[in-house]
Amino acid sequence: MHKILIGLFAGLSLLAASVHAEENPVVVDALGGYLDFSEYGSSLIWPEQIPAEDWKKVFIVDARDAAQYAREHIPGAVNIEWRQAVARRAELPKDRMVVVYCNSGSLSAQAVFALRLLGYENVKVLQDGLEGWKKKGGFEAHARASAPAGH
């Protein structure tokens, strides 16, 4: 798997050199291999899946920009903008779940995808982001859920 990742990032660096570069077969193979191996939902978590008392054990990352974080964020969250997730990955614990969110889940999903390609299996996207978390009851989403969470 590490050879695949090395090939992936070598290929990505070559692709970054030119916006109009041809497809790189090394990158395509590495991405295809990861996607074939990855289970649907393995990097997703819904607010209802985390009991209120378990949120204290979760390392929460707000992947939005600093201004959005300053206006509102999940209590206890650390602000690591999604574009900085790879550069700041050393700040993430490996011994507990890391939940990454943005407003809706789309930008945080990109950060989690990159981190998972780097071997961080403990990172998950908070499905529906901050807005979904608030709508479902925040830390009380698990207790308020009328049905099991999932896809």
N, C-alpha and C. Protein backbone atom coordinates (compact mmCIF):
# COMPACT_ATOMS: atom_id res chain seq x y z
N MET A 1 0.82 -1.19 0.00
CA MET A 1 0.00 0.00 0.00
C MET A 1 0.87 1.26 0.00
N HIS A 2 2.03 1.20 0.72
CA HIS A 2 2.89 2.38 0.77
C HIS A 2 3.50 2.67 -0.59
N LYS A 3 3.82 1.63 -1.36
CA LYS A 3 4.34 1.85 -2.71
C LYS A 3 3.29 2.52 -3.58
N ILE A 4 2.05 2.13 -3.38
CA ILE A 4 0.96 2.75 -4.14
C ILE A 4 0.87 4.23 -3.79
N LEU A 5 0.95 4.55 -2.49
CA LEU A 5 0.86 5.95 -2.06
C LEU A 5 2.02 6.77 -2.58
N ILE A 6 3.22 6.20 -2.54
CA ILE A 6 4.38 6.91 -3.07
C ILE A 6 4.19 7.18 -4.56
N GLY A 7 3.73 6.16 -5.28
CA GLY A 7 3.46 6.34 -6.70
C GLY A 7 2.38 7.37 -6.95
N LEU A 8 1.35 7.33 -6.10
CA LEU A 8 0.26 8.29 -6.23
C LEU A 8 0.76 9.72 -6.09
N PHE A 9 1.51 9.98 -5.04
CA PHE A 9 1.97 11.34 -4.82
C PHE A 9 3.04 11.76 -5.81
N ALA A 10 3.84 10.84 -6.26
CA ALA A 10 4.80 11.18 -7.33
C ALA A 10 4.04 11.56 -8.59
N GLY A 11 3.02 10.78 -8.90
CA GLY A 11 2.20 11.08 -10.07
C GLY A 11 1.44 12.38 -9.92
N LEU A 12 0.91 12.63 -8.72
CA LEU A 12 0.18 13.88 -8.49
C LEU A 12 1.10 15.09 -8.64
N SER A 13 2.35 14.96 -8.18
CA SER A 13 3.27 16.09 -8.32
C SER A 13 3.58 16.35 -9.80
N LEU A 14 3.66 15.30 -10.58
CA LEU A 14 3.87 15.48 -12.02
C LEU A 14 2.66 16.13 -12.68
N LEU A 15 1.47 15.72 -12.24
CA LEU A 15 0.24 16.31 -12.79
C LEU A 15 0.12 17.78 -12.40
N ALA A 16 0.58 18.12 -11.21
CA ALA A 16 0.47 19.50 -10.75
C ALA A 16 1.35 20.43 -11.58
N ALA A 17 2.38 19.89 -12.22
CA ALA A 17 3.28 20.71 -13.03
C ALA A 17 2.57 21.32 -14.23
N SER A 18 1.56 20.65 -14.72
CA SER A 18 0.85 21.16 -15.88
C SER A 18 -0.63 20.86 -15.75
N VAL A 19 -1.43 21.89 -15.88
CA VAL A 19 -2.88 21.72 -15.77
C VAL A 19 -3.40 20.84 -16.89
N HIS A 20 -2.76 20.83 -18.00
CA HIS A 20 -3.21 20.09 -19.17
C HIS A 20 -2.45 18.79 -19.36
N ALA A 21 -1.90 18.25 -18.29
CA ALA A 21 -1.12 17.01 -18.39
C ALA A 21 -2.01 15.84 -18.78
N GLU A 22 -1.40 14.86 -19.42
CA GLU A 22 -2.09 13.62 -19.75
C GLU A 22 -2.35 12.85 -18.47
N GLU A 23 -3.30 11.91 -18.52
CA GLU A 23 -3.54 11.05 -17.36
C GLU A 23 -2.27 10.27 -17.04
N ASN A 24 -1.98 10.16 -15.78
CA ASN A 24 -0.82 9.40 -15.34
C ASN A 24 -1.31 8.03 -14.88
N PRO A 25 -0.88 6.95 -15.52
CA PRO A 25 -1.36 5.62 -15.17
C PRO A 25 -1.04 5.21 -13.73
N VAL A 26 0.06 5.71 -13.17
CA VAL A 26 0.41 5.39 -11.79
C VAL A 26 -0.64 5.96 -10.84
N VAL A 27 -1.03 7.20 -11.09
CA VAL A 27 -2.05 7.85 -10.25
C VAL A 27 -3.39 7.15 -10.41
N VAL A 28 -3.75 6.86 -11.64
CA VAL A 28 -5.03 6.18 -11.92
C VAL A 28 -5.06 4.83 -11.21
N ASP A 29 -3.98 4.06 -11.29
CA ASP A 29 -3.93 2.75 -10.63
C ASP A 29 -4.02 2.88 -9.12
N ALA A 30 -3.30 3.86 -8.56
CA ALA A 30 -3.31 4.04 -7.10
C ALA A 30 -4.70 4.44 -6.61
N LEU A 31 -5.32 5.37 -7.29
CA LEU A 31 -6.67 5.80 -6.90
C LEU A 31 -7.67 4.67 -7.08
N GLY A 32 -7.58 3.97 -8.18
CA GLY A 32 -8.48 2.85 -8.43
C GLY A 32 -8.33 1.76 -7.38
N GLY A 33 -7.10 1.47 -7.00
CA GLY A 33 -6.84 0.47 -5.97
C GLY A 33 -7.41 0.87 -4.63
N TYR A 34 -7.26 2.14 -4.28
CA TYR A 34 -7.82 2.62 -3.02
C TYR A 34 -9.35 2.54 -3.04
N LEU A 35 -9.95 3.00 -4.12
CA LEU A 35 -11.41 3.01 -4.20
C LEU A 35 -11.98 1.60 -4.24
N ASP A 36 -11.29 0.68 -4.88
CA ASP A 36 -11.74 -0.72 -4.89
C ASP A 36 -11.70 -1.32 -3.49
N PHE A 37 -10.71 -0.92 -2.70
CA PHE A 37 -10.51 -1.48 -1.37
C PHE A 37 -11.43 -0.84 -0.33
N SER A 38 -11.74 0.43 -0.50
CA SER A 38 -12.49 1.19 0.49
C SER A 38 -13.96 0.77 0.54
N GLU A 39 -14.47 0.59 1.75
CA GLU A 39 -15.88 0.25 1.93
C GLU A 39 -16.71 1.52 1.95
N TYR A 40 -17.91 1.45 1.36
CA TYR A 40 -18.79 2.61 1.42
C TYR A 40 -19.13 2.87 2.89
N GLY A 41 -19.03 4.08 3.28
CA GLY A 41 -19.37 4.45 4.64
C GLY A 41 -18.22 4.32 5.63
N SER A 42 -17.09 3.74 5.20
CA SER A 42 -15.98 3.55 6.14
C SER A 42 -15.38 4.88 6.59
N SER A 43 -15.56 5.92 5.80
CA SER A 43 -15.02 7.22 6.19
C SER A 43 -16.14 8.22 6.50
N LEU A 44 -17.35 7.72 6.69
CA LEU A 44 -18.49 8.59 7.01
C LEU A 44 -19.01 8.28 8.40
N ILE A 45 -19.51 9.32 9.07
CA ILE A 45 -20.20 9.12 10.33
C ILE A 45 -21.31 10.16 10.43
N TRP A 46 -22.44 9.73 10.92
CA TRP A 46 -23.59 10.60 11.10
C TRP A 46 -23.63 11.06 12.55
N PRO A 47 -24.13 12.27 12.82
CA PRO A 47 -24.19 12.76 14.20
C PRO A 47 -24.92 11.79 15.14
N GLU A 48 -25.94 11.11 14.62
CA GLU A 48 -26.72 10.18 15.45
C GLU A 48 -25.91 8.95 15.89
N GLN A 49 -24.79 8.71 15.25
CA GLN A 49 -24.00 7.53 15.58
C GLN A 49 -23.08 7.74 16.78
N ILE A 50 -22.99 8.98 17.25
CA ILE A 50 -22.08 9.27 18.36
C ILE A 50 -22.90 9.67 19.59
N PRO A 51 -22.95 8.82 20.60
CA PRO A 51 -23.65 9.20 21.83
C PRO A 51 -23.00 10.44 22.45
N ALA A 52 -23.79 11.24 23.14
CA ALA A 52 -23.32 12.51 23.70
C ALA A 52 -22.03 12.34 24.52
N GLU A 53 -21.98 11.30 25.35
CA GLU A 53 -20.79 11.11 26.21
C GLU A 53 -19.55 10.72 25.39
N ASP A 54 -19.72 10.17 24.20
CA ASP A 54 -18.58 9.77 23.37
C ASP A 54 -17.95 10.94 22.62
N TRP A 55 -18.66 12.04 22.47
CA TRP A 55 -18.09 13.21 21.79
C TRP A 55 -16.82 13.69 22.49
N LYS A 56 -16.73 13.47 23.81
CA LYS A 56 -15.54 13.89 24.57
C LYS A 56 -14.30 13.12 24.13
N LYS A 57 -14.49 11.94 23.58
CA LYS A 57 -13.39 11.08 23.15
C LYS A 57 -12.96 11.37 21.70
N VAL A 58 -13.77 12.12 20.96
CA VAL A 58 -13.54 12.37 19.54
C VAL A 58 -12.69 13.62 19.36
N PHE A 59 -11.72 13.55 18.46
CA PHE A 59 -10.94 14.73 18.07
C PHE A 59 -11.70 15.35 16.90
N ILE A 60 -12.25 16.54 17.10
CA ILE A 60 -13.12 17.17 16.12
C ILE A 60 -12.33 18.23 15.36
N VAL A 61 -12.40 18.18 14.04
CA VAL A 61 -11.71 19.15 13.18
C VAL A 61 -12.74 19.92 12.36
N ASP A 62 -12.73 21.23 12.51
CA ASP A 62 -13.53 22.13 11.68
C ASP A 62 -12.66 22.48 10.48
N ALA A 63 -13.07 22.03 9.30
CA ALA A 63 -12.25 22.20 8.10
C ALA A 63 -12.59 23.47 7.32
N ARG A 64 -13.40 24.33 7.90
CA ARG A 64 -13.76 25.58 7.23
C ARG A 64 -12.68 26.64 7.47
N ASP A 65 -12.82 27.80 6.83
CA ASP A 65 -11.82 28.84 7.04
C ASP A 65 -11.95 29.47 8.43
N ALA A 66 -10.93 30.21 8.83
CA ALA A 66 -10.86 30.76 10.18
C ALA A 66 -12.03 31.69 10.50
N ALA A 67 -12.49 32.46 9.51
CA ALA A 67 -13.61 33.38 9.75
C ALA A 67 -14.90 32.62 10.07
N GLN A 68 -15.16 31.54 9.33
CA GLN A 68 -16.35 30.73 9.61
C GLN A 68 -16.23 30.07 10.98
N TYR A 69 -15.06 29.56 11.27
CA TYR A 69 -14.81 28.93 12.57
C TYR A 69 -15.06 29.93 13.70
N ALA A 70 -14.56 31.15 13.54
CA ALA A 70 -14.72 32.18 14.58
C ALA A 70 -16.20 32.52 14.81
N ARG A 71 -17.00 32.49 13.75
CA ARG A 71 -18.43 32.80 13.89
C ARG A 71 -19.19 31.71 14.64
N GLU A 72 -18.85 30.46 14.34
CA GLU A 72 -19.57 29.34 14.93
C GLU A 72 -18.82 28.05 14.64
N HIS A 73 -18.77 27.19 15.64
CA HIS A 73 -18.15 25.87 15.45
C HIS A 73 -18.66 24.92 16.53
N ILE A 74 -18.44 23.65 16.30
CA ILE A 74 -18.79 22.65 17.29
C ILE A 74 -17.85 22.84 18.48
N PRO A 75 -18.40 22.95 19.69
CA PRO A 75 -17.53 23.13 20.86
C PRO A 75 -16.47 22.04 20.95
N GLY A 76 -15.23 22.48 21.18
CA GLY A 76 -14.10 21.56 21.27
C GLY A 76 -13.39 21.31 19.96
N ALA A 77 -13.94 21.80 18.86
CA ALA A 77 -13.32 21.58 17.55
C ALA A 77 -12.04 22.40 17.39
N VAL A 78 -11.09 21.82 16.66
CA VAL A 78 -9.85 22.49 16.29
C VAL A 78 -10.01 22.92 14.83
N ASN A 79 -9.58 24.13 14.51
CA ASN A 79 -9.71 24.64 13.15
C ASN A 79 -8.48 24.28 12.32
N ILE A 80 -8.66 23.36 11.38
CA ILE A 80 -7.64 23.02 10.39
C ILE A 80 -8.34 23.08 9.04
N GLU A 81 -8.11 24.16 8.31
CA GLU A 81 -8.79 24.33 7.02
C GLU A 81 -8.52 23.12 6.13
N TRP A 82 -9.53 22.71 5.37
CA TRP A 82 -9.45 21.48 4.57
C TRP A 82 -8.22 21.44 3.69
N ARG A 83 -7.80 22.57 3.17
CA ARG A 83 -6.62 22.60 2.29
C ARG A 83 -5.32 22.32 3.06
N GLN A 84 -5.36 22.48 4.37
CA GLN A 84 -4.18 22.29 5.21
C GLN A 84 -4.14 20.93 5.90
N ALA A 85 -5.14 20.09 5.65
CA ALA A 85 -5.25 18.81 6.36
C ALA A 85 -4.01 17.94 6.17
N VAL A 86 -3.48 17.87 4.99
CA VAL A 86 -2.29 17.04 4.75
C VAL A 86 -1.07 17.67 5.40
N ALA A 87 -0.89 18.96 5.23
CA ALA A 87 0.28 19.65 5.80
C ALA A 87 0.27 19.59 7.33
N ARG A 88 -0.91 19.58 7.94
CA ARG A 88 -1.02 19.62 9.40
C ARG A 88 -1.42 18.26 9.99
N ARG A 89 -1.24 17.20 9.25
CA ARG A 89 -1.67 15.89 9.68
C ARG A 89 -0.99 15.41 10.96
N ALA A 90 0.18 15.91 11.26
CA ALA A 90 0.88 15.51 12.48
C ALA A 90 0.11 15.95 13.73
N GLU A 91 -0.79 16.90 13.60
CA GLU A 91 -1.60 17.37 14.73
C GLU A 91 -2.75 16.42 15.05
N LEU A 92 -3.01 15.48 14.16
CA LEU A 92 -4.14 14.57 14.36
C LEU A 92 -3.70 13.36 15.17
N PRO A 93 -4.48 13.01 16.20
CA PRO A 93 -4.14 11.81 16.96
C PRO A 93 -4.41 10.56 16.13
N LYS A 94 -3.65 9.53 16.37
CA LYS A 94 -3.86 8.26 15.67
C LYS A 94 -4.53 7.23 16.57
N ASP A 95 -4.69 7.59 17.85
CA ASP A 95 -5.23 6.63 18.82
C ASP A 95 -6.70 6.83 19.15
N ARG A 96 -7.38 7.70 18.42
CA ARG A 96 -8.82 7.90 18.62
C ARG A 96 -9.46 8.42 17.35
N MET A 97 -10.77 8.40 17.32
CA MET A 97 -11.48 8.83 16.12
C MET A 97 -11.30 10.34 15.90
N VAL A 98 -11.08 10.68 14.63
CA VAL A 98 -11.01 12.08 14.21
C VAL A 98 -12.21 12.32 13.30
N VAL A 99 -13.05 13.28 13.66
CA VAL A 99 -14.23 13.62 12.86
C VAL A 99 -13.99 15.00 12.26
N VAL A 100 -14.07 15.07 10.94
CA VAL A 100 -13.81 16.31 10.21
C VAL A 100 -15.13 16.79 9.61
N TYR A 101 -15.39 18.09 9.77
CA TYR A 101 -16.62 18.65 9.20
C TYR A 101 -16.37 20.00 8.56
N CYS A 102 -17.28 20.37 7.67
CA CYS A 102 -17.35 21.71 7.10
C CYS A 102 -18.82 22.12 7.20
N ASN A 103 -19.31 22.93 6.29
CA ASN A 103 -20.71 23.32 6.36
C ASN A 103 -21.65 22.19 5.97
N SER A 104 -21.30 21.49 4.88
CA SER A 104 -22.21 20.47 4.36
C SER A 104 -21.58 19.08 4.27
N GLY A 105 -20.27 19.00 4.30
CA GLY A 105 -19.58 17.72 4.20
C GLY A 105 -18.74 17.55 2.95
N SER A 106 -18.89 18.45 1.97
CA SER A 106 -18.18 18.24 0.71
C SER A 106 -16.69 18.59 0.79
N LEU A 107 -16.30 19.69 1.42
CA LEU A 107 -14.88 20.03 1.52
C LEU A 107 -14.18 19.14 2.54
N SER A 108 -14.86 18.84 3.62
CA SER A 108 -14.24 17.95 4.62
C SER A 108 -14.03 16.57 4.02
N ALA A 109 -14.89 16.15 3.11
CA ALA A 109 -14.73 14.85 2.45
C ALA A 109 -13.43 14.82 1.64
N GLN A 110 -13.07 15.93 1.03
CA GLN A 110 -11.83 15.97 0.27
C GLN A 110 -10.63 15.82 1.19
N ALA A 111 -10.68 16.49 2.35
CA ALA A 111 -9.58 16.40 3.32
C ALA A 111 -9.48 14.97 3.85
N VAL A 112 -10.61 14.36 4.18
CA VAL A 112 -10.61 13.00 4.71
C VAL A 112 -10.11 12.02 3.66
N PHE A 113 -10.51 12.20 2.41
CA PHE A 113 -10.05 11.33 1.34
C PHE A 113 -8.52 11.37 1.26
N ALA A 114 -7.95 12.56 1.28
CA ALA A 114 -6.49 12.69 1.20
C ALA A 114 -5.83 12.02 2.41
N LEU A 115 -6.36 12.26 3.59
CA LEU A 115 -5.79 11.67 4.80
C LEU A 115 -5.89 10.14 4.79
N ARG A 116 -7.01 9.63 4.30
CA ARG A 116 -7.17 8.18 4.24
C ARG A 116 -6.20 7.56 3.23
N LEU A 117 -5.96 8.28 2.13
CA LEU A 117 -4.95 7.79 1.18
C LEU A 117 -3.57 7.72 1.83
N LEU A 118 -3.34 8.58 2.81
CA LEU A 118 -2.06 8.59 3.52
C LEU A 118 -2.03 7.59 4.68
N GLY A 119 -3.09 6.83 4.84
CA GLY A 119 -3.10 5.78 5.85
C GLY A 119 -3.81 6.12 7.15
N TYR A 120 -4.45 7.26 7.23
CA TYR A 120 -5.19 7.64 8.43
C TYR A 120 -6.57 6.99 8.38
N GLU A 121 -6.68 5.81 8.94
CA GLU A 121 -7.94 5.07 8.90
C GLU A 121 -8.92 5.52 9.97
N ASN A 122 -8.48 6.35 10.90
CA ASN A 122 -9.33 6.79 12.00
C ASN A 122 -10.05 8.11 11.72
N VAL A 123 -9.93 8.65 10.51
CA VAL A 123 -10.59 9.91 10.18
C VAL A 123 -11.91 9.65 9.46
N LYS A 124 -12.91 10.46 9.82
CA LYS A 124 -14.24 10.31 9.24
C LYS A 124 -14.83 11.67 8.94
N VAL A 125 -15.67 11.71 7.92
CA VAL A 125 -16.41 12.92 7.56
C VAL A 125 -17.70 12.94 8.36
N LEU A 126 -18.01 14.07 8.97
CA LEU A 126 -19.30 14.23 9.63
C LEU A 126 -20.33 14.48 8.53
N GLN A 127 -21.12 13.47 8.25
CA GLN A 127 -22.13 13.54 7.18
C GLN A 127 -23.04 14.74 7.41
N ASP A 128 -23.26 15.54 6.40
CA ASP A 128 -24.11 16.74 6.41
C ASP A 128 -23.49 17.91 7.17
N GLY A 129 -22.24 17.79 7.60
CA GLY A 129 -21.50 18.89 8.18
C GLY A 129 -22.13 19.55 9.39
N LEU A 130 -21.69 20.79 9.64
CA LEU A 130 -22.17 21.56 10.78
C LEU A 130 -23.67 21.76 10.73
N GLU A 131 -24.17 22.04 9.53
CA GLU A 131 -25.62 22.30 9.40
C GLU A 131 -26.43 21.07 9.77
N GLY A 132 -26.02 19.91 9.31
CA GLY A 132 -26.72 18.67 9.66
C GLY A 132 -26.60 18.35 11.13
N TRP A 133 -25.42 18.60 11.70
CA TRP A 133 -25.19 18.36 13.12
C TRP A 133 -26.16 19.19 13.96
N LYS A 134 -26.29 20.49 13.60
CA LYS A 134 -27.20 21.37 14.34
C LYS A 134 -28.65 20.92 14.16
N LYS A 135 -29.01 20.63 12.93
CA LYS A 135 -30.39 20.25 12.61
C LYS A 135 -30.82 18.98 13.36
N LYS A 136 -29.87 18.06 13.53
CA LYS A 136 -30.19 16.78 14.18
C LYS A 136 -30.05 16.82 15.70
N GLY A 137 -29.66 17.97 16.25
CA GLY A 137 -29.60 18.10 17.71
C GLY A 137 -28.22 18.19 18.31
N GLY A 138 -27.19 18.39 17.49
CA GLY A 138 -25.84 18.54 18.02
C GLY A 138 -25.39 17.32 18.79
N PHE A 139 -24.83 17.56 19.98
CA PHE A 139 -24.34 16.46 20.81
C PHE A 139 -25.46 15.50 21.22
N GLU A 140 -26.69 15.95 21.14
CA GLU A 140 -27.84 15.12 21.54
C GLU A 140 -28.47 14.38 20.36
N ALA A 141 -27.85 14.42 19.19
CA ALA A 141 -28.42 13.78 17.99
C ALA A 141 -28.67 12.29 18.21
N HIS A 142 -27.77 11.62 18.88
CA HIS A 142 -27.94 10.18 19.13
C HIS A 142 -29.20 9.91 19.95
N ALA A 143 -29.38 10.68 21.02
CA ALA A 143 -30.53 10.49 21.90
C ALA A 143 -31.84 10.87 21.20
N ARG A 144 -31.78 11.82 20.28
CA ARG A 144 -32.98 12.30 19.60
C ARG A 144 -33.36 11.48 18.36
N ALA A 145 -32.45 10.63 17.92
CA ALA A 145 -32.69 9.88 16.69
C ALA A 145 -33.86 8.90 16.86
N SER A 146 -34.70 8.88 15.85
CA SER A 146 -35.85 7.95 15.90
C SER A 146 -35.55 6.64 15.16
N ALA A 147 -34.44 6.63 14.41
CA ALA A 147 -34.05 5.44 13.66
C ALA A 147 -32.53 5.39 13.60
N PRO A 148 -31.96 4.22 13.37
CA PRO A 148 -30.50 4.12 13.25
C PRO A 148 -29.99 5.00 12.11
N ALA A 149 -28.83 5.56 12.32
CA ALA A 149 -28.20 6.40 11.30
C ALA A 149 -27.55 5.53 10.25
N GLY A 150 -27.34 6.09 9.08
CA GLY A 150 -26.66 5.36 8.02
C GLY A 150 -27.15 5.79 6.67
N HIS A 151 -26.67 5.10 5.66
CA HIS A 151 -26.98 5.46 4.29
C HIS A 151 -28.13 4.65 3.74
